[in-house]
């Protein structure tokens, strides 16, 4: 791996954090809350944007590098309580190149209400395999006094990685989603797509009436492309 590859990933990670700040509202705004990570190809290292740095304020100096065995390689002394969300996803899924955990408004609300995503518009085509929910059935410590709704340890991280399976997202009940993709760009756009899809479903539920699946129209599953990410960056 060259320094150029690492620098490129860092740049994309920072740009994507700022995109999510603008495009994905959070139940915790204006607090930063949430993290975004990326795997460094050809290594066992992962770069993480910590929770306590604002999505719109993050710089290269704020990013922390860990190995997949939880060893810190470089970066400032920010605490990342939910590091297992990221590292266990990478350990379980070699296809995953980036992981996001947010508290985005509508997707979080869906998890709290126990709603399953309906395939109502093109935003949902990346999630045709469904979005599982992590809850107290999977993890008896979830909602306990010592844990709350956080993924604090390796055991929980492995449960989350097992529960997501081959899907692109997992909803932590009463907490927020975890989104995974093959690249930083794809994961960023999947995060936006999930929030748009959740918002559409909540609005549709308020209106009522028949809600046919978009799959019935013959549209195939489709992830957002890196070109969409670039177009969004360029539009800023």
C-alpha atoms as a PDB file:
ATOM      1  CA  UNK A   1       0.000   0.000   0.000  1.00  0.00           C
ATOM      2  CA  UNK A   2       1.324   3.436  -0.882  1.00  0.00           C
ATOM      3  CA  UNK A   3       0.829   6.619   1.059  1.00  0.00           C
ATOM      4  CA  UNK A   4      -1.191   7.880  -1.899  1.00  0.00           C
ATOM      5  CA  UNK A   5      -3.844   5.180  -1.366  1.00  0.00           C
ATOM      6  CA  UNK A   6      -4.161   6.054   2.302  1.00  0.00           C
ATOM      7  CA  UNK A   7      -4.327   9.769   1.562  1.00  0.00           C
ATOM      8  CA  UNK A   8      -7.045   9.199  -1.017  1.00  0.00           C
ATOM      9  CA  UNK A   9      -9.155   7.212   1.458  1.00  0.00           C
ATOM     10  CA  UNK A  10      -8.668   9.875   4.147  1.00  0.00           C
ATOM     11  CA  UNK A  11      -9.789  12.575   1.713  1.00  0.00           C
ATOM     12  CA  UNK A  12     -12.881  10.616   0.693  1.00  0.00           C
ATOM     13  CA  UNK A  13     -13.705   9.880   4.331  1.00  0.00           C
ATOM     14  CA  UNK A  14     -13.530  13.559   5.297  1.00  0.00           C
ATOM     15  CA  UNK A  15     -15.604  14.652   2.292  1.00  0.00           C
ATOM     16  CA  UNK A  16     -18.193  11.964   3.017  1.00  0.00           C
ATOM     17  CA  UNK A  17     -18.522  13.038   6.655  1.00  0.00           C
ATOM     18  CA  UNK A  18     -19.294  16.563   5.492  1.00  0.00           C
ATOM     19  CA  UNK A  19     -21.799  15.261   2.947  1.00  0.00           C
ATOM     20  CA  UNK A  20     -23.634  13.318   5.661  1.00  0.00           C
ATOM     21  CA  UNK A  21     -23.713  16.405   7.878  1.00  0.00           C
ATOM     22  CA  UNK A  22     -25.577  18.251   5.124  1.00  0.00           C
ATOM     23  CA  UNK A  23     -27.727  15.460   3.737  1.00  0.00           C
ATOM     24  CA  UNK A  24     -28.698  13.284   6.727  1.00  0.00           C
ATOM     25  CA  UNK A  25     -30.434  14.896   9.718  1.00  0.00           C
ATOM     26  CA  UNK A  26     -29.732  13.408  13.128  1.00  0.00           C
ATOM     27  CA  UNK A  27     -31.827  13.072  16.249  1.00  0.00           C
ATOM     28  CA  UNK A  28     -28.786  14.450  18.095  1.00  0.00           C
ATOM     29  CA  UNK A  29     -28.144  17.553  15.989  1.00  0.00           C
ATOM     30  CA  UNK A  30     -26.219  19.745  16.548  1.00  0.00           C
ATOM     31  CA  UNK A  31     -24.126  17.258  18.583  1.00  0.00           C
ATOM     32  CA  UNK A  32     -21.618  15.281  16.455  1.00  0.00           C
ATOM     33  CA  UNK A  33     -22.540  11.706  17.524  1.00  0.00           C
ATOM     34  CA  UNK A  34     -21.758   8.878  15.132  1.00  0.00           C
ATOM     35  CA  UNK A  35     -18.718   7.490  13.360  1.00  0.00           C
ATOM     36  CA  UNK A  36     -17.462   6.610   9.883  1.00  0.00           C
ATOM     37  CA  UNK A  37     -14.601   4.218   9.147  1.00  0.00           C
ATOM     38  CA  UNK A  38     -12.733   2.867   6.140  1.00  0.00           C
ATOM     39  CA  UNK A  39     -10.530  -0.163   5.580  1.00  0.00           C
ATOM     40  CA  UNK A  40      -7.037   0.432   4.174  1.00  0.00           C
ATOM     41  CA  UNK A  41      -6.743  -2.082   1.295  1.00  0.00           C
ATOM     42  CA  UNK A  42      -4.040  -4.697   1.621  1.00  0.00           C
ATOM     43  CA  UNK A  43      -3.603  -4.147   5.363  1.00  0.00           C
ATOM     44  CA  UNK A  44      -5.348  -5.053   8.614  1.00  0.00           C
ATOM     45  CA  UNK A  45      -5.802  -1.350   9.409  1.00  0.00           C
ATOM     46  CA  UNK A  46      -8.959   0.744   9.650  1.00  0.00           C
ATOM     47  CA  UNK A  47      -9.253   4.551   9.838  1.00  0.00           C
ATOM     48  CA  UNK A  48     -12.058   5.833  12.081  1.00  0.00           C
ATOM     49  CA  UNK A  49     -13.741   9.205  12.478  1.00  0.00           C
ATOM     50  CA  UNK A  50     -14.474   9.339  16.239  1.00  0.00           C
ATOM     51  CA  UNK A  51     -17.856  10.183  17.748  1.00  0.00           C
ATOM     52  CA  UNK A  52     -16.802  13.397  19.461  1.00  0.00           C
ATOM     53  CA  UNK A  53     -15.658  15.224  16.323  1.00  0.00           C
ATOM     54  CA  UNK A  54     -18.367  17.011  14.341  1.00  0.00           C
ATOM     55  CA  UNK A  55     -19.219  15.550  10.931  1.00  0.00           C
ATOM     56  CA  UNK A  56     -18.632  18.958   9.361  1.00  0.00           C
ATOM     57  CA  UNK A  57     -15.452  19.708  11.331  1.00  0.00           C
ATOM     58  CA  UNK A  58     -13.409  16.530  10.936  1.00  0.00           C
ATOM     59  CA  UNK A  59      -9.849  16.791   9.590  1.00  0.00           C
ATOM     60  CA  UNK A  60      -7.107  14.262   8.900  1.00  0.00           C
ATOM     61  CA  UNK A  61      -5.624  15.009  12.335  1.00  0.00           C
ATOM     62  CA  UNK A  62      -8.849  13.805  14.024  1.00  0.00           C
ATOM     63  CA  UNK A  63      -8.829  10.348  12.444  1.00  0.00           C
ATOM     64  CA  UNK A  64      -7.641   7.320  14.413  1.00  0.00           C
ATOM     65  CA  UNK A  65      -6.107   4.177  12.938  1.00  0.00           C
ATOM     66  CA  UNK A  66      -6.673   0.741  14.476  1.00  0.00           C
ATOM     67  CA  UNK A  67      -5.761  -2.777  13.491  1.00  0.00           C
ATOM     68  CA  UNK A  68      -8.475  -5.416  13.309  1.00  0.00           C
ATOM     69  CA  UNK A  69      -7.251  -6.819  16.620  1.00  0.00           C
ATOM     70  CA  UNK A  70      -8.122  -3.510  18.355  1.00  0.00           C
ATOM     71  CA  UNK A  71      -4.575  -2.159  18.541  1.00  0.00           C
ATOM     72  CA  UNK A  72      -4.332   1.594  18.121  1.00  0.00           C
ATOM     73  CA  UNK A  73      -1.736   2.556  15.507  1.00  0.00           C
ATOM     74  CA  UNK A  74      -2.010   6.339  15.366  1.00  0.00           C
ATOM     75  CA  UNK A  75      -4.239   9.306  16.034  1.00  0.00           C
ATOM     76  CA  UNK A  76      -5.521  11.421  18.931  1.00  0.00           C
ATOM     77  CA  UNK A  77      -6.881  10.107  22.227  1.00  0.00           C
ATOM     78  CA  UNK A  78     -10.591  10.260  21.464  1.00  0.00           C
ATOM     79  CA  UNK A  79     -12.631   7.479  23.026  1.00  0.00           C
ATOM     80  CA  UNK A  80     -14.483   5.250  20.571  1.00  0.00           C
ATOM     81  CA  UNK A  81     -16.803   3.224  22.786  1.00  0.00           C
ATOM     82  CA  UNK A  82     -18.482   1.482  19.865  1.00  0.00           C
ATOM     83  CA  UNK A  83     -15.340   0.496  17.985  1.00  0.00           C
ATOM     84  CA  UNK A  84     -16.574  -3.146  17.915  1.00  0.00           C
ATOM     85  CA  UNK A  85     -19.324  -2.094  15.485  1.00  0.00           C
ATOM     86  CA  UNK A  86     -16.645  -1.329  12.935  1.00  0.00           C
ATOM     87  CA  UNK A  87     -13.911  -3.870  13.540  1.00  0.00           C
ATOM     88  CA  UNK A  88     -16.208  -6.882  13.835  1.00  0.00           C
ATOM     89  CA  UNK A  89     -17.971  -5.931  10.576  1.00  0.00           C
ATOM     90  CA  UNK A  90     -14.632  -5.863   8.769  1.00  0.00           C
ATOM     91  CA  UNK A  91     -13.540  -9.129  10.351  1.00  0.00           C
ATOM     92  CA  UNK A  92     -16.754 -10.880   9.313  1.00  0.00           C
ATOM     93  CA  UNK A  93     -17.184  -9.271   5.887  1.00  0.00           C
ATOM     94  CA  UNK A  94     -14.095  -9.126   3.615  1.00  0.00           C
ATOM     95  CA  UNK A  95     -16.291  -7.373   1.024  1.00  0.00           C
ATOM     96  CA  UNK A  96     -16.857  -4.381   3.326  1.00  0.00           C
ATOM     97  CA  UNK A  97     -14.600  -1.391   2.715  1.00  0.00           C
ATOM     98  CA  UNK A  98     -16.382   1.183   4.881  1.00  0.00           C
ATOM     99  CA  UNK A  99     -18.802   1.310   7.834  1.00  0.00           C
ATOM    100  CA  UNK A 100     -21.038   4.142   9.081  1.00  0.00           C
ATOM    101  CA  UNK A 101     -22.991   4.359  12.319  1.00  0.00           C
ATOM    102  CA  UNK A 102     -25.370   7.298  12.664  1.00  0.00           C
ATOM    103  CA  UNK A 103     -28.399   8.374  14.659  1.00  0.00           C
ATOM    104  CA  UNK A 104     -30.211   9.645  11.569  1.00  0.00           C
ATOM    105  CA  UNK A 105     -33.738  10.729  12.329  1.00  0.00           C
ATOM    106  CA  UNK A 106     -36.079   8.599  10.239  1.00  0.00           C
ATOM    107  CA  UNK A 107     -34.108   5.343  10.114  1.00  0.00           C
ATOM    108  CA  UNK A 108     -33.646   5.534  13.886  1.00  0.00           C
ATOM    109  CA  UNK A 109     -37.389   6.097  14.339  1.00  0.00           C
ATOM    110  CA  UNK A 110     -38.155   3.060  12.199  1.00  0.00           C
ATOM    111  CA  UNK A 111     -35.982   0.935  14.475  1.00  0.00           C
ATOM    112  CA  UNK A 112     -37.644   2.299  17.593  1.00  0.00           C
ATOM    113  CA  UNK A 113     -41.112   1.614  16.204  1.00  0.00           C
ATOM    114  CA  UNK A 114     -40.168  -1.835  14.910  1.00  0.00           C
ATOM    115  CA  UNK A 115     -41.039  -0.972  11.310  1.00  0.00           C
ATOM    116  CA  UNK A 116     -39.701  -3.092   8.442  1.00  0.00           C
ATOM    117  CA  UNK A 117     -38.540  -1.203   5.361  1.00  0.00           C
ATOM    118  CA  UNK A 118     -41.036  -1.272   2.514  1.00  0.00           C
ATOM    119  CA  UNK A 119     -39.734  -0.991  -1.057  1.00  0.00           C
ATOM    120  CA  UNK A 120     -41.608   2.141  -2.043  1.00  0.00           C
ATOM    121  CA  UNK A 121     -39.190   4.223  -4.121  1.00  0.00           C
ATOM    122  CA  UNK A 122     -35.775   3.982  -5.861  1.00  0.00           C
ATOM    123  CA  UNK A 123     -33.998   4.782  -2.577  1.00  0.00           C
ATOM    124  CA  UNK A 124     -34.950   1.314  -1.373  1.00  0.00           C
ATOM    125  CA  UNK A 125     -33.462  -0.639  -4.289  1.00  0.00           C
ATOM    126  CA  UNK A 126     -30.178  -1.049  -2.407  1.00  0.00           C
ATOM    127  CA  UNK A 127     -32.036  -2.763   0.445  1.00  0.00           C
ATOM    128  CA  UNK A 128     -34.140  -5.355  -1.356  1.00  0.00           C
ATOM    129  CA  UNK A 129     -32.595  -8.072   0.808  1.00  0.00           C
ATOM    130  CA  UNK A 130     -34.135  -6.448   3.859  1.00  0.00           C
ATOM    131  CA  UNK A 131     -32.675  -4.638   6.866  1.00  0.00           C
ATOM    132  CA  UNK A 132     -32.439  -6.684  10.069  1.00  0.00           C
ATOM    133  CA  UNK A 133     -32.800  -5.181  13.545  1.00  0.00           C
ATOM    134  CA  UNK A 134     -30.433  -5.735  16.477  1.00  0.00           C
ATOM    135  CA  UNK A 135     -32.382  -5.900  19.733  1.00  0.00           C
ATOM    136  CA  UNK A 136     -32.664  -7.551  23.143  1.00  0.00           C
ATOM    137  CA  UNK A 137     -33.629 -10.867  21.555  1.00  0.00           C
ATOM    138  CA  UNK A 138     -30.204 -11.075  19.906  1.00  0.00           C
ATOM    139  CA  UNK A 139     -28.364  -9.603  22.870  1.00  0.00           C
ATOM    140  CA  UNK A 140     -29.814 -10.074  26.396  1.00  0.00           C
ATOM    141  CA  UNK A 141     -27.499  -7.294  27.684  1.00  0.00           C
ATOM    142  CA  UNK A 142     -29.079  -4.746  25.338  1.00  0.00           C
ATOM    143  CA  UNK A 143     -31.088  -2.120  27.276  1.00  0.00           C
ATOM    144  CA  UNK A 144     -29.375  -3.183  30.509  1.00  0.00           C
ATOM    145  CA  UNK A 145     -28.097  -0.575  32.944  1.00  0.00           C
ATOM    146  CA  UNK A 146     -24.458  -1.233  32.111  1.00  0.00           C
ATOM    147  CA  UNK A 147     -24.871  -1.350  28.344  1.00  0.00           C
ATOM    148  CA  UNK A 148     -27.854   0.760  27.394  1.00  0.00           C
ATOM    149  CA  UNK A 149     -28.182   0.612  23.610  1.00  0.00           C
ATOM    150  CA  UNK A 150     -24.448   0.787  22.898  1.00  0.00           C
ATOM    151  CA  UNK A 151     -22.357  -1.883  21.196  1.00  0.00           C
ATOM    152  CA  UNK A 152     -19.539  -1.808  23.732  1.00  0.00           C
ATOM    153  CA  UNK A 153     -17.667  -5.092  23.415  1.00  0.00           C
ATOM    154  CA  UNK A 154     -16.409  -7.674  20.939  1.00  0.00           C
ATOM    155  CA  UNK A 155     -19.210 -10.120  21.721  1.00  0.00           C
ATOM    156  CA  UNK A 156     -21.834  -7.537  20.828  1.00  0.00           C
ATOM    157  CA  UNK A 157     -19.895  -6.555  17.728  1.00  0.00           C
ATOM    158  CA  UNK A 158     -19.847 -10.172  16.573  1.00  0.00           C
ATOM    159  CA  UNK A 159     -23.589 -10.466  17.181  1.00  0.00           C
ATOM    160  CA  UNK A 160     -24.151  -7.346  15.059  1.00  0.00           C
ATOM    161  CA  UNK A 161     -21.898  -8.664  12.281  1.00  0.00           C
ATOM    162  CA  UNK A 162     -23.720 -11.999  12.337  1.00  0.00           C
ATOM    163  CA  UNK A 163     -27.147 -10.312  12.356  1.00  0.00           C
ATOM    164  CA  UNK A 164     -26.418  -8.067   9.359  1.00  0.00           C
ATOM    165  CA  UNK A 165     -25.476 -11.124   7.321  1.00  0.00           C
ATOM    166  CA  UNK A 166     -25.022 -10.092   3.685  1.00  0.00           C
ATOM    167  CA  UNK A 167     -27.269  -7.019   4.000  1.00  0.00           C
ATOM    168  CA  UNK A 168     -26.167  -3.424   3.491  1.00  0.00           C
ATOM    169  CA  UNK A 169     -27.595  -2.128   6.764  1.00  0.00           C
ATOM    170  CA  UNK A 170     -28.601  -3.070  10.287  1.00  0.00           C
ATOM    171  CA  UNK A 171     -30.860  -1.073  12.604  1.00  0.00           C
ATOM    172  CA  UNK A 172     -29.856  -0.945  16.266  1.00  0.00           C
ATOM    173  CA  UNK A 173     -33.217  -0.782  18.048  1.00  0.00           C
ATOM    174  CA  UNK A 174     -33.859   2.611  19.698  1.00  0.00           C
ATOM    175  CA  UNK A 175     -30.381   3.714  18.674  1.00  0.00           C
ATOM    176  CA  UNK A 176     -29.637   4.077  14.960  1.00  0.00           C
ATOM    177  CA  UNK A 177     -28.462   2.288  11.827  1.00  0.00           C
ATOM    178  CA  UNK A 178     -25.161   0.720  10.823  1.00  0.00           C
ATOM    179  CA  UNK A 179     -24.500   0.900   7.080  1.00  0.00           C
ATOM    180  CA  UNK A 180     -21.788  -1.026   5.222  1.00  0.00           C
ATOM    181  CA  UNK A 181     -20.493  -0.828   1.658  1.00  0.00           C
ATOM    182  CA  UNK A 182     -17.609  -1.840  -0.536  1.00  0.00           C
ATOM    183  CA  UNK A 183     -16.150   1.680  -0.552  1.00  0.00           C
ATOM    184  CA  UNK A 184     -16.362   5.001   1.267  1.00  0.00           C
ATOM    185  CA  UNK A 185     -18.354   6.487  -1.604  1.00  0.00           C
ATOM    186  CA  UNK A 186     -20.881   3.653  -1.749  1.00  0.00           C
ATOM    187  CA  UNK A 187     -21.351   3.611   2.025  1.00  0.00           C
ATOM    188  CA  UNK A 188     -21.924   7.362   2.111  1.00  0.00           C
ATOM    189  CA  UNK A 189     -24.583   7.150  -0.599  1.00  0.00           C
ATOM    190  CA  UNK A 190     -26.215   4.105   1.012  1.00  0.00           C
ATOM    191  CA  UNK A 191     -26.548   6.109   4.232  1.00  0.00           C
ATOM    192  CA  UNK A 192     -28.367   8.875   2.364  1.00  0.00           C
ATOM    193  CA  UNK A 193     -30.514   6.348   0.499  1.00  0.00           C
ATOM    194  CA  UNK A 194     -31.542   4.662   3.752  1.00  0.00           C
ATOM    195  CA  UNK A 195     -32.653   7.935   5.316  1.00  0.00           C
ATOM    196  CA  UNK A 196     -34.610   8.906   2.187  1.00  0.00           C
ATOM    197  CA  UNK A 197     -36.258   5.485   2.105  1.00  0.00           C
ATOM    198  CA  UNK A 198     -37.177   5.646   5.792  1.00  0.00           C
ATOM    199  CA  UNK A 199     -38.645   9.118   5.380  1.00  0.00           C
ATOM    200  CA  UNK A 200     -40.733   7.981   2.393  1.00  0.00           C
ATOM    201  CA  UNK A 201     -42.122   5.074   4.360  1.00  0.00           C
ATOM    202  CA  UNK A 202     -43.026   7.162   7.399  1.00  0.00           C
ATOM    203  CA  UNK A 203     -44.778   9.726   5.195  1.00  0.00           C
ATOM    204  CA  UNK A 204     -46.588   6.949   3.307  1.00  0.00           C
ATOM    205  CA  UNK A 205     -47.692   5.408   6.609  1.00  0.00           C
ATOM    206  CA  UNK A 206     -49.166   8.746   7.668  1.00  0.00           C
ATOM    207  CA  UNK A 207     -51.077   9.071   4.409  1.00  0.00           C
ATOM    208  CA  UNK A 208     -52.310   5.483   4.380  1.00  0.00           C
ATOM    209  CA  UNK A 209     -53.749   3.658   1.386  1.00  0.00           C
ATOM    210  CA  UNK A 210     -52.337   0.879  -0.767  1.00  0.00           C
ATOM    211  CA  UNK A 211     -48.513   0.816  -0.940  1.00  0.00           C
ATOM    212  CA  UNK A 212     -47.359  -1.541  -3.714  1.00  0.00           C
ATOM    213  CA  UNK A 213     -43.731  -2.650  -3.659  1.00  0.00           C
ATOM    214  CA  UNK A 214     -41.471  -1.047  -6.228  1.00  0.00           C
ATOM    215  CA  UNK A 215     -40.239  -4.579  -6.978  1.00  0.00           C
ATOM    216  CA  UNK A 216     -43.655  -5.273  -8.491  1.00  0.00           C
ATOM    217  CA  UNK A 217     -42.759  -2.717 -11.187  1.00  0.00           C
ATOM    218  CA  UNK A 218     -39.869  -4.899 -12.315  1.00  0.00           C
ATOM    219  CA  UNK A 219     -36.999  -2.719 -11.110  1.00  0.00           C
ATOM    220  CA  UNK A 220     -33.908  -4.759 -10.143  1.00  0.00           C
ATOM    221  CA  UNK A 221     -31.863  -4.298  -6.956  1.00  0.00           C
ATOM    222  CA  UNK A 222     -29.365  -1.472  -7.372  1.00  0.00           C
ATOM    223  CA  UNK A 223     -26.750   0.168  -5.158  1.00  0.00           C
ATOM    224  CA  UNK A 224     -25.877   3.861  -5.620  1.00  0.00           C
ATOM    225  CA  UNK A 225     -22.778   4.324  -7.755  1.00  0.00           C
ATOM    226  CA  UNK A 226     -19.525   6.125  -6.984  1.00  0.00           C
ATOM    227  CA  UNK A 227     -20.441   8.507  -9.795  1.00  0.00           C
ATOM    228  CA  UNK A 228     -23.418   9.707  -7.761  1.00  0.00           C
ATOM    229  CA  UNK A 229     -21.065  10.420  -4.847  1.00  0.00           C
ATOM    230  CA  UNK A 230     -18.730  12.394  -7.104  1.00  0.00           C
ATOM    231  CA  UNK A 231     -21.636  14.333  -8.606  1.00  0.00           C
ATOM    232  CA  UNK A 232     -22.833  15.244  -5.109  1.00  0.00           C
ATOM    233  CA  UNK A 233     -19.356  16.364  -4.060  1.00  0.00           C
ATOM    234  CA  UNK A 234     -19.002  18.422  -7.234  1.00  0.00           C
ATOM    235  CA  UNK A 235     -22.386  20.076  -6.627  1.00  0.00           C
ATOM    236  CA  UNK A 236     -21.020  21.604  -3.422  1.00  0.00           C
END
